[in-house]
N, C-alpha and C. Protein backbone atom coordinates (compact mmCIF):
# COMPACT_ATOMS: atom_id res chain seq x y z
N MET A 1 19.58 -88.57 10.38
CA MET A 1 20.13 -88.34 11.71
C MET A 1 20.26 -86.83 11.96
N PHE A 2 19.97 -86.42 13.17
CA PHE A 2 20.00 -85.01 13.56
C PHE A 2 21.44 -84.50 13.53
N ASP A 3 21.64 -83.33 12.94
CA ASP A 3 22.97 -82.74 12.81
C ASP A 3 23.22 -81.81 14.01
N LEU A 4 23.79 -82.36 15.07
CA LEU A 4 24.02 -81.59 16.29
C LEU A 4 25.00 -80.45 16.06
N GLU A 5 25.98 -80.63 15.22
CA GLU A 5 26.93 -79.54 14.94
C GLU A 5 26.23 -78.35 14.29
N GLU A 6 25.31 -78.63 13.40
CA GLU A 6 24.55 -77.55 12.77
C GLU A 6 23.64 -76.88 13.81
N ALA A 7 23.05 -77.66 14.69
CA ALA A 7 22.21 -77.10 15.77
C ALA A 7 23.05 -76.18 16.65
N ARG A 8 24.25 -76.59 16.95
CA ARG A 8 25.14 -75.76 17.77
C ARG A 8 25.47 -74.45 17.07
N ARG A 9 25.64 -74.51 15.76
CA ARG A 9 25.94 -73.30 14.99
C ARG A 9 24.77 -72.32 15.02
N LEU A 10 23.55 -72.83 14.98
CA LEU A 10 22.35 -71.99 14.97
C LEU A 10 21.92 -71.54 16.36
N CYS A 11 22.37 -72.26 17.36
CA CYS A 11 21.97 -72.02 18.75
C CYS A 11 22.35 -70.60 19.19
N GLY A 12 21.37 -69.88 19.74
CA GLY A 12 21.63 -68.54 20.25
C GLY A 12 21.71 -67.46 19.19
N THR A 13 21.37 -67.79 17.97
CA THR A 13 21.41 -66.80 16.88
C THR A 13 19.99 -66.40 16.51
N GLU A 14 19.88 -65.54 15.52
CA GLU A 14 18.56 -65.15 15.02
C GLU A 14 17.86 -66.31 14.30
N PHE A 15 18.56 -67.42 14.12
CA PHE A 15 17.99 -68.59 13.47
C PHE A 15 17.47 -69.62 14.48
N GLU A 16 17.37 -69.21 15.73
CA GLU A 16 16.81 -70.06 16.78
C GLU A 16 15.38 -69.59 17.06
N ILE A 17 14.45 -70.52 17.02
CA ILE A 17 13.04 -70.20 17.28
C ILE A 17 12.59 -70.99 18.51
N ILE A 18 12.07 -70.26 19.47
CA ILE A 18 11.54 -70.88 20.69
C ILE A 18 10.04 -70.96 20.51
N THR A 19 9.52 -72.17 20.42
CA THR A 19 8.09 -72.33 20.19
C THR A 19 7.29 -71.84 21.39
N ARG A 20 6.05 -71.50 21.16
CA ARG A 20 5.16 -71.06 22.25
C ARG A 20 5.02 -72.18 23.27
N HIS A 21 4.89 -73.41 22.81
CA HIS A 21 4.82 -74.56 23.71
C HIS A 21 6.05 -74.60 24.61
N CYS A 22 7.19 -74.36 24.04
CA CYS A 22 8.44 -74.36 24.80
C CYS A 22 8.44 -73.26 25.84
N GLN A 23 8.02 -72.07 25.48
CA GLN A 23 7.98 -70.96 26.43
C GLN A 23 7.12 -71.30 27.63
N ILE A 24 5.97 -71.88 27.38
CA ILE A 24 5.05 -72.26 28.46
C ILE A 24 5.68 -73.30 29.36
N ARG A 25 6.28 -74.32 28.77
CA ARG A 25 6.89 -75.41 29.55
C ARG A 25 8.08 -74.92 30.36
N LEU A 26 8.91 -74.07 29.77
CA LEU A 26 10.07 -73.55 30.49
C LEU A 26 9.64 -72.77 31.71
N GLU A 27 8.65 -71.92 31.55
CA GLU A 27 8.16 -71.13 32.67
C GLU A 27 7.61 -72.04 33.77
N LYS A 28 6.83 -73.02 33.37
CA LYS A 28 6.22 -73.95 34.33
C LYS A 28 7.28 -74.78 35.07
N ARG A 29 8.35 -75.13 34.37
CA ARG A 29 9.37 -76.02 34.94
C ARG A 29 10.57 -75.26 35.52
N GLY A 30 10.59 -73.96 35.40
CA GLY A 30 11.69 -73.18 35.95
C GLY A 30 13.01 -73.42 35.23
N ILE A 31 12.93 -73.58 33.92
CA ILE A 31 14.13 -73.82 33.11
C ILE A 31 14.39 -72.57 32.28
N LEU A 32 15.64 -72.17 32.22
CA LEU A 32 16.03 -70.98 31.47
C LEU A 32 16.39 -71.34 30.02
N ILE A 33 16.15 -70.41 29.12
CA ILE A 33 16.57 -70.61 27.73
C ILE A 33 18.08 -70.82 27.67
N ALA A 34 18.82 -70.09 28.50
CA ALA A 34 20.28 -70.25 28.54
C ALA A 34 20.67 -71.68 28.91
N GLU A 35 19.88 -72.33 29.75
CA GLU A 35 20.17 -73.73 30.10
C GLU A 35 19.93 -74.65 28.91
N MET A 36 18.87 -74.38 28.15
CA MET A 36 18.62 -75.17 26.94
C MET A 36 19.77 -75.00 25.95
N GLU A 37 20.19 -73.76 25.77
CA GLU A 37 21.27 -73.49 24.82
C GLU A 37 22.57 -74.14 25.29
N TYR A 38 22.83 -74.11 26.58
CA TYR A 38 24.02 -74.77 27.12
C TYR A 38 23.95 -76.27 26.81
N ALA A 39 22.78 -76.86 27.01
CA ALA A 39 22.62 -78.30 26.75
C ALA A 39 22.90 -78.63 25.29
N ILE A 40 22.39 -77.81 24.38
CA ILE A 40 22.62 -78.07 22.96
C ILE A 40 24.10 -77.91 22.62
N ARG A 41 24.73 -76.91 23.18
CA ARG A 41 26.15 -76.66 22.87
C ARG A 41 27.09 -77.71 23.48
N ASN A 42 26.67 -78.32 24.59
CA ASN A 42 27.57 -79.22 25.32
C ASN A 42 27.07 -80.64 25.46
N GLY A 43 25.88 -80.90 24.99
CA GLY A 43 25.27 -82.21 25.20
C GLY A 43 25.48 -83.19 24.07
N GLU A 44 24.70 -84.25 24.15
CA GLU A 44 24.75 -85.30 23.14
C GLU A 44 23.34 -85.75 22.79
N VAL A 45 23.15 -86.15 21.55
CA VAL A 45 21.86 -86.67 21.11
C VAL A 45 21.72 -88.08 21.66
N ILE A 46 20.62 -88.30 22.41
CA ILE A 46 20.40 -89.65 22.96
C ILE A 46 19.23 -90.36 22.29
N GLU A 47 18.38 -89.62 21.59
CA GLU A 47 17.29 -90.22 20.81
C GLU A 47 17.07 -89.36 19.58
N ASP A 48 16.86 -90.04 18.45
CA ASP A 48 16.55 -89.38 17.18
C ASP A 48 15.10 -89.67 16.83
N TYR A 49 14.39 -88.66 16.33
CA TYR A 49 13.01 -88.83 15.89
C TYR A 49 12.91 -88.37 14.43
N PRO A 50 13.43 -89.19 13.51
CA PRO A 50 13.52 -88.76 12.10
C PRO A 50 12.17 -88.59 11.42
N ASN A 51 11.10 -89.15 11.97
CA ASN A 51 9.80 -89.07 11.32
C ASN A 51 8.90 -87.98 11.91
N ASP A 52 9.42 -87.17 12.82
CA ASP A 52 8.62 -86.10 13.39
C ASP A 52 8.22 -85.09 12.32
N TYR A 53 7.08 -84.47 12.51
CA TYR A 53 6.55 -83.48 11.58
C TYR A 53 6.45 -82.14 12.28
N PRO A 54 6.80 -81.05 11.67
CA PRO A 54 7.15 -80.92 10.25
C PRO A 54 8.62 -81.18 9.94
N PHE A 55 9.47 -81.28 11.00
CA PHE A 55 10.89 -81.53 10.77
C PHE A 55 11.37 -82.63 11.71
N PRO A 56 12.38 -83.40 11.31
CA PRO A 56 12.97 -84.38 12.22
C PRO A 56 13.46 -83.69 13.50
N SER A 57 13.36 -84.38 14.61
CA SER A 57 13.80 -83.80 15.88
C SER A 57 14.65 -84.80 16.65
N CYS A 58 15.11 -84.39 17.81
CA CYS A 58 15.92 -85.28 18.64
C CYS A 58 15.81 -84.87 20.10
N LEU A 59 16.29 -85.75 20.95
CA LEU A 59 16.38 -85.50 22.39
C LEU A 59 17.86 -85.36 22.73
N VAL A 60 18.21 -84.21 23.29
CA VAL A 60 19.59 -83.92 23.68
C VAL A 60 19.69 -84.02 25.20
N PHE A 61 20.75 -84.67 25.66
CA PHE A 61 21.03 -84.79 27.09
C PHE A 61 22.29 -84.00 27.42
N SER A 62 22.26 -83.30 28.55
CA SER A 62 23.44 -82.61 29.04
C SER A 62 23.38 -82.52 30.55
N VAL A 63 24.54 -82.42 31.16
CA VAL A 63 24.63 -82.10 32.58
C VAL A 63 25.02 -80.63 32.63
N LEU A 64 24.19 -79.83 33.30
CA LEU A 64 24.42 -78.40 33.36
C LEU A 64 25.57 -78.07 34.30
N GLN A 65 25.98 -76.82 34.30
CA GLN A 65 27.09 -76.38 35.13
C GLN A 65 26.80 -76.57 36.63
N ASN A 66 25.51 -76.58 36.99
CA ASN A 66 25.15 -76.80 38.40
C ASN A 66 24.98 -78.30 38.70
N HIS A 67 25.44 -79.14 37.78
CA HIS A 67 25.48 -80.60 37.92
C HIS A 67 24.11 -81.27 37.84
N THR A 68 23.10 -80.57 37.31
CA THR A 68 21.78 -81.19 37.13
C THR A 68 21.60 -81.61 35.68
N PRO A 69 20.96 -82.75 35.45
CA PRO A 69 20.73 -83.20 34.08
C PRO A 69 19.58 -82.43 33.44
N LEU A 70 19.66 -82.27 32.13
CA LEU A 70 18.59 -81.61 31.39
C LEU A 70 18.41 -82.32 30.06
N HIS A 71 17.15 -82.50 29.66
CA HIS A 71 16.80 -83.01 28.35
C HIS A 71 16.17 -81.88 27.55
N VAL A 72 16.56 -81.76 26.29
CA VAL A 72 16.03 -80.75 25.39
C VAL A 72 15.56 -81.45 24.12
N VAL A 73 14.33 -81.16 23.71
CA VAL A 73 13.84 -81.64 22.43
C VAL A 73 13.91 -80.47 21.46
N CYS A 74 14.57 -80.71 20.33
CA CYS A 74 14.71 -79.65 19.33
C CYS A 74 14.64 -80.26 17.94
N SER A 75 14.40 -79.40 16.96
CA SER A 75 14.37 -79.85 15.57
C SER A 75 15.00 -78.77 14.71
N MET A 76 15.28 -79.13 13.47
CA MET A 76 15.84 -78.18 12.52
C MET A 76 15.14 -78.34 11.18
N GLY A 77 14.91 -77.21 10.54
CA GLY A 77 14.33 -77.23 9.21
C GLY A 77 14.30 -75.82 8.63
N ASP A 78 14.39 -75.74 7.33
CA ASP A 78 14.35 -74.45 6.63
C ASP A 78 15.39 -73.47 7.17
N GLY A 79 16.52 -73.99 7.67
CA GLY A 79 17.60 -73.15 8.15
C GLY A 79 17.44 -72.64 9.57
N TYR A 80 16.46 -73.18 10.30
CA TYR A 80 16.21 -72.74 11.67
C TYR A 80 16.34 -73.89 12.65
N LEU A 81 16.72 -73.54 13.89
CA LEU A 81 16.73 -74.46 15.02
C LEU A 81 15.49 -74.14 15.84
N TYR A 82 14.65 -75.14 16.05
CA TYR A 82 13.42 -74.98 16.82
C TYR A 82 13.60 -75.63 18.19
N LEU A 83 13.43 -74.85 19.25
CA LEU A 83 13.45 -75.38 20.60
C LEU A 83 12.01 -75.74 20.95
N ILE A 84 11.77 -77.02 21.18
CA ILE A 84 10.41 -77.53 21.35
C ILE A 84 10.02 -77.65 22.82
N THR A 85 10.89 -78.25 23.62
CA THR A 85 10.62 -78.38 25.05
C THR A 85 11.90 -78.78 25.78
N ALA A 86 11.85 -78.68 27.08
CA ALA A 86 12.96 -79.12 27.93
C ALA A 86 12.38 -79.57 29.26
N TYR A 87 13.06 -80.52 29.87
CA TYR A 87 12.64 -81.01 31.18
C TYR A 87 13.83 -81.62 31.90
N ARG A 88 13.68 -81.73 33.20
CA ARG A 88 14.70 -82.37 34.02
C ARG A 88 14.31 -83.84 34.15
N PRO A 89 15.12 -84.74 33.59
CA PRO A 89 14.76 -86.16 33.65
C PRO A 89 14.76 -86.68 35.08
N THR A 90 13.89 -87.65 35.33
CA THR A 90 13.78 -88.23 36.67
C THR A 90 14.10 -89.72 36.63
N LEU A 91 14.49 -90.23 37.78
CA LEU A 91 14.89 -91.63 37.87
C LEU A 91 13.72 -92.59 37.75
N ASP A 92 12.50 -92.12 37.86
CA ASP A 92 11.37 -93.03 37.65
C ASP A 92 11.17 -93.33 36.16
N LYS A 93 11.69 -92.47 35.29
CA LYS A 93 11.56 -92.70 33.85
C LYS A 93 12.87 -93.04 33.16
N PHE A 94 14.00 -92.69 33.80
CA PHE A 94 15.31 -92.92 33.20
C PHE A 94 16.22 -93.65 34.18
N GLU A 95 17.17 -94.39 33.62
CA GLU A 95 18.19 -95.06 34.44
C GLU A 95 19.09 -93.98 35.07
N SER A 96 20.01 -94.38 35.91
CA SER A 96 20.84 -93.43 36.65
C SER A 96 21.75 -92.59 35.75
N ASP A 97 21.95 -93.02 34.51
CA ASP A 97 22.73 -92.21 33.58
C ASP A 97 21.90 -91.08 32.96
N TYR A 98 20.61 -91.09 33.21
CA TYR A 98 19.64 -90.13 32.67
C TYR A 98 19.58 -90.14 31.15
N LYS A 99 20.15 -91.15 30.53
CA LYS A 99 20.13 -91.27 29.08
C LYS A 99 19.26 -92.43 28.61
N THR A 100 19.15 -93.45 29.44
CA THR A 100 18.47 -94.68 29.07
C THR A 100 17.08 -94.71 29.69
N ARG A 101 16.07 -94.84 28.84
CA ARG A 101 14.70 -94.92 29.37
C ARG A 101 14.51 -96.24 30.11
N ARG A 102 13.81 -96.17 31.22
CA ARG A 102 13.46 -97.38 31.96
C ARG A 102 12.43 -98.15 31.15
N LYS A 103 12.53 -99.44 31.18
CA LYS A 103 11.54 -100.30 30.52
C LYS A 103 10.29 -100.31 31.38
N GLU A 104 9.15 -100.18 30.70
CA GLU A 104 7.89 -100.24 31.43
C GLU A 104 7.62 -101.71 31.78
N GLU A 105 7.24 -101.89 33.03
CA GLU A 105 6.95 -103.25 33.49
C GLU A 105 5.55 -103.63 33.04
N THR A 106 5.44 -104.80 32.44
CA THR A 106 4.14 -105.32 32.02
C THR A 106 3.89 -106.63 32.74
N GLU A 107 2.67 -106.84 33.08
CA GLU A 107 2.33 -108.08 33.79
C GLU A 107 1.52 -108.98 32.93
């Protein structure tokens, strides 16, 4: 299970690594690194991905100070917090709590 308290301790320090993929996505989506860090410091883990490579990762949910929801994918390994991506969840993919994925309809 992802250690959110440890992620919070590493967040915003020299032990935080922002991946190139993350930088590209943040710029494209208009999301600030400070918003990602706020989400990690104040959010909750809503999905765990223990089998991700090279390190286990998770999906963190938070409501930002401007009242908008944000999802952050991050991982930890070798003493570092890796910021992988962030996005603003939408109601077409998530329930109104922005934490629960909508079930895909199959016919």
